[in-house]
Every structure is written in structure tokens, then in C-alpha cells.
């Protein structure tokens, strides 16, 4: 998918609606731009926050593991 956008004099642009919709972007989402050696720019959407992950790994019947026992 490709879409055009314009850069303003303040260095701002609008991500085209088709791209936002495909990425599931919502107002307030954060993004990371990475410039690759060949000049390609990679955009990654960082939706949500770490607090939204709370409880995602819980399984009924399992005991909590103390943080000291987690391997790095």
C-alpha cells in the first residue's frame, strides 16, 4: 500500500487515512521512526502503554513467580 503526504513548514505531516486504518492507529498512539542505511524509513506504532499488559500472562491455577526467580 502506498499513499502520498505533504510535509509542512513546521515539519509536520498527516498519516493518510488508509495507512492509519490498516495499522489500527488511534489518536494518542505513539510511533517510532527508524532510518535504515538504504534511506528507507520504518514506522512502528507503539499503541497503548505497559500498564495495559498487566494480567495478560495470568493463567488460572498457576502461582505467581517472584521477580528474583525470573531469568534474564
N, C-alpha and C. Protein backbone atom coordinates (compact mmCIF):
# COMPACT_ATOMS: atom_id res chain seq x y z
N UNK A 1 0.85 -1.17 0.00
CA UNK A 1 0.00 0.00 0.00
C UNK A 1 0.90 1.23 0.00
N UNK A 2 0.57 2.19 -0.81
CA UNK A 2 1.32 3.45 -0.86
C UNK A 2 0.34 4.61 -0.85
N UNK A 3 0.73 5.69 -0.20
CA UNK A 3 -0.09 6.90 -0.15
C UNK A 3 0.84 8.09 -0.01
N UNK A 4 0.45 9.21 -0.59
CA UNK A 4 1.27 10.41 -0.53
C UNK A 4 0.84 11.30 0.62
N UNK A 5 1.79 12.07 1.13
CA UNK A 5 1.53 13.05 2.18
C UNK A 5 2.44 14.24 1.93
N UNK A 6 2.15 15.38 2.54
CA UNK A 6 2.93 16.60 2.37
C UNK A 6 3.53 17.00 3.71
N UNK A 7 4.77 17.48 3.68
CA UNK A 7 5.45 17.96 4.87
C UNK A 7 5.20 19.47 4.98
N UNK A 8 4.76 19.94 6.16
CA UNK A 8 4.51 21.36 6.36
C UNK A 8 5.82 22.07 6.70
N UNK A 9 5.77 23.40 6.74
CA UNK A 9 6.95 24.19 7.09
C UNK A 9 7.39 23.95 8.53
N UNK A 10 6.51 23.39 9.36
CA UNK A 10 6.84 23.07 10.75
C UNK A 10 7.32 21.62 10.91
N UNK A 11 7.50 20.92 9.79
CA UNK A 11 7.97 19.54 9.84
C UNK A 11 6.89 18.54 10.20
N UNK A 12 5.63 18.93 10.04
CA UNK A 12 4.52 18.05 10.37
C UNK A 12 3.91 17.46 9.11
N UNK A 13 3.28 16.29 9.27
CA UNK A 13 2.57 15.66 8.17
C UNK A 13 1.38 14.91 8.74
N UNK A 14 0.50 14.48 7.87
CA UNK A 14 -0.64 13.67 8.27
C UNK A 14 -0.46 12.29 7.68
N UNK A 15 -0.59 11.28 8.51
CA UNK A 15 -0.52 9.91 8.01
C UNK A 15 -1.84 9.62 7.29
N UNK A 16 -1.78 9.24 6.02
CA UNK A 16 -3.01 9.02 5.27
C UNK A 16 -3.96 8.04 5.97
N UNK A 17 -5.25 8.30 5.83
CA UNK A 17 -6.29 7.52 6.49
C UNK A 17 -6.17 6.03 6.21
N UNK A 18 -5.87 5.67 4.96
CA UNK A 18 -5.77 4.24 4.61
C UNK A 18 -4.67 3.56 5.42
N UNK A 19 -3.56 4.27 5.63
CA UNK A 19 -2.44 3.72 6.39
C UNK A 19 -2.83 3.62 7.87
N UNK A 20 -3.42 4.70 8.41
CA UNK A 20 -3.86 4.69 9.82
C UNK A 20 -4.84 3.55 10.07
N UNK A 21 -5.78 3.38 9.17
CA UNK A 21 -6.77 2.31 9.33
C UNK A 21 -6.13 0.93 9.27
N UNK A 22 -5.21 0.73 8.33
CA UNK A 22 -4.53 -0.57 8.19
C UNK A 22 -3.71 -0.91 9.42
N UNK A 23 -3.12 0.10 10.05
CA UNK A 23 -2.30 -0.11 11.24
C UNK A 23 -3.13 -0.09 12.52
N UNK A 24 -4.41 0.22 12.41
CA UNK A 24 -5.27 0.28 13.59
C UNK A 24 -4.90 1.44 14.51
N UNK A 25 -4.40 2.52 13.93
CA UNK A 25 -3.95 3.66 14.74
C UNK A 25 -5.13 4.45 15.28
N UNK A 26 -4.93 4.96 16.51
CA UNK A 26 -5.94 5.77 17.17
C UNK A 26 -5.27 7.04 17.68
N UNK A 27 -6.05 8.11 17.90
CA UNK A 27 -5.46 9.33 18.45
C UNK A 27 -4.72 9.02 19.75
N UNK A 28 -3.54 9.58 19.90
CA UNK A 28 -2.73 9.36 21.09
C UNK A 28 -1.71 8.25 20.95
N UNK A 29 -1.82 7.43 19.89
CA UNK A 29 -0.83 6.37 19.68
C UNK A 29 0.54 6.99 19.45
N UNK A 30 1.57 6.32 19.92
CA UNK A 30 2.94 6.77 19.74
C UNK A 30 3.57 5.99 18.60
N UNK A 31 4.56 6.60 17.94
CA UNK A 31 5.23 5.97 16.82
C UNK A 31 6.73 6.07 16.99
N UNK A 32 7.43 5.14 16.37
CA UNK A 32 8.89 5.19 16.30
C UNK A 32 9.27 5.18 14.83
N UNK A 33 10.14 6.10 14.44
CA UNK A 33 10.65 6.16 13.09
C UNK A 33 12.09 5.67 13.12
N UNK A 34 12.44 4.75 12.22
CA UNK A 34 13.80 4.24 12.13
C UNK A 34 14.30 4.46 10.71
N UNK A 35 15.43 5.15 10.59
CA UNK A 35 16.04 5.39 9.28
C UNK A 35 17.01 4.25 8.99
N UNK A 36 16.75 3.51 7.93
CA UNK A 36 17.58 2.38 7.55
C UNK A 36 18.74 2.88 6.67
N UNK A 37 19.84 2.11 6.59
CA UNK A 37 21.01 2.53 5.80
C UNK A 37 20.70 2.85 4.34
N UNK A 38 19.69 2.19 3.78
CA UNK A 38 19.37 2.44 2.37
C UNK A 38 18.43 3.63 2.16
N UNK A 39 18.12 4.36 3.25
CA UNK A 39 17.25 5.53 3.13
C UNK A 39 15.78 5.24 3.39
N UNK A 40 15.43 3.99 3.57
CA UNK A 40 14.05 3.62 3.89
C UNK A 40 13.74 4.04 5.32
N UNK A 41 12.55 4.54 5.55
CA UNK A 41 12.11 4.88 6.90
C UNK A 41 11.06 3.87 7.32
N UNK A 42 11.27 3.26 8.48
CA UNK A 42 10.34 2.28 9.02
C UNK A 42 9.54 2.96 10.13
N UNK A 43 8.22 2.88 10.05
CA UNK A 43 7.33 3.44 11.06
C UNK A 43 6.74 2.29 11.85
N UNK A 44 6.91 2.34 13.17
CA UNK A 44 6.30 1.34 14.04
C UNK A 44 5.35 2.05 14.98
N UNK A 45 4.14 1.51 15.11
CA UNK A 45 3.15 2.08 16.01
C UNK A 45 3.32 1.45 17.38
N UNK A 46 3.39 2.30 18.39
CA UNK A 46 3.53 1.84 19.76
C UNK A 46 2.23 2.17 20.49
N UNK A 47 1.18 1.42 20.20
CA UNK A 47 -0.13 1.69 20.79
C UNK A 47 -0.18 1.20 22.23
N UNK A 48 -0.89 1.92 23.06
CA UNK A 48 -1.09 1.50 24.43
C UNK A 48 0.10 1.80 25.31
N UNK A 49 0.02 1.29 26.53
CA UNK A 49 1.10 1.50 27.48
C UNK A 49 1.41 0.19 28.18
N UNK A 50 2.50 0.16 28.89
CA UNK A 50 2.92 -1.04 29.60
C UNK A 50 1.89 -1.46 30.64
N UNK A 51 1.16 -0.51 31.19
CA UNK A 51 0.17 -0.85 32.21
C UNK A 51 -0.98 -1.67 31.63
N UNK A 52 -1.20 -1.59 30.33
CA UNK A 52 -2.25 -2.39 29.71
C UNK A 52 -1.87 -3.86 29.61
N UNK A 53 -0.60 -4.19 29.86
CA UNK A 53 -0.16 -5.58 29.82
C UNK A 53 -0.41 -6.31 31.13
N UNK A 54 -0.75 -5.57 32.17
CA UNK A 54 -0.95 -6.17 33.49
C UNK A 54 -2.00 -7.29 33.41
N UNK A 55 -1.62 -8.46 33.91
CA UNK A 55 -2.53 -9.59 33.95
C UNK A 55 -2.63 -10.40 32.68
N UNK A 56 -1.96 -10.01 31.63
CA UNK A 56 -2.05 -10.72 30.35
C UNK A 56 -1.45 -12.12 30.41
N UNK A 57 -0.48 -12.34 31.28
CA UNK A 57 0.18 -13.65 31.36
C UNK A 57 -0.40 -14.54 32.46
N UNK A 58 -1.43 -14.08 33.14
CA UNK A 58 -2.03 -14.85 34.22
C UNK A 58 -2.75 -16.08 33.67
N UNK A 59 -2.51 -17.22 34.33
CA UNK A 59 -3.25 -18.44 34.00
C UNK A 59 -3.85 -18.97 35.28
N UNK A 60 -5.12 -19.28 35.24
CA UNK A 60 -5.83 -19.77 36.40
C UNK A 60 -5.13 -21.03 36.94
N UNK A 61 -4.93 -21.05 38.25
CA UNK A 61 -4.32 -22.21 38.87
C UNK A 61 -2.81 -22.15 38.99
N UNK A 62 -2.18 -21.17 38.39
CA UNK A 62 -0.73 -21.04 38.46
C UNK A 62 -0.35 -20.08 39.57
N UNK A 63 0.75 -20.38 40.25
CA UNK A 63 1.26 -19.50 41.30
C UNK A 63 2.08 -18.37 40.68
N UNK A 64 2.08 -17.24 41.35
CA UNK A 64 2.92 -16.12 40.92
C UNK A 64 4.38 -16.48 41.16
N UNK A 65 5.25 -16.03 40.27
CA UNK A 65 6.68 -16.28 40.40
C UNK A 65 7.34 -15.00 40.90
N UNK A 66 8.09 -15.11 42.01
CA UNK A 66 8.78 -13.90 42.50
C UNK A 66 9.76 -13.38 41.45
N UNK A 67 9.91 -12.09 41.38
CA UNK A 67 10.76 -11.49 40.35
C UNK A 67 12.21 -11.97 40.46
N UNK A 68 12.64 -12.32 41.67
CA UNK A 68 14.02 -12.81 41.84
C UNK A 68 14.26 -14.13 41.11
N UNK A 69 13.21 -14.88 40.83
CA UNK A 69 13.34 -16.18 40.18
C UNK A 69 13.25 -16.12 38.65
N UNK A 70 12.99 -14.94 38.13
CA UNK A 70 12.91 -14.80 36.68
C UNK A 70 14.31 -14.75 36.09
N UNK A 71 14.52 -15.47 35.00
CA UNK A 71 15.84 -15.43 34.34
C UNK A 71 15.91 -14.25 33.39
N UNK A 72 17.10 -13.80 33.15
CA UNK A 72 17.27 -12.65 32.24
C UNK A 72 17.73 -13.12 30.91
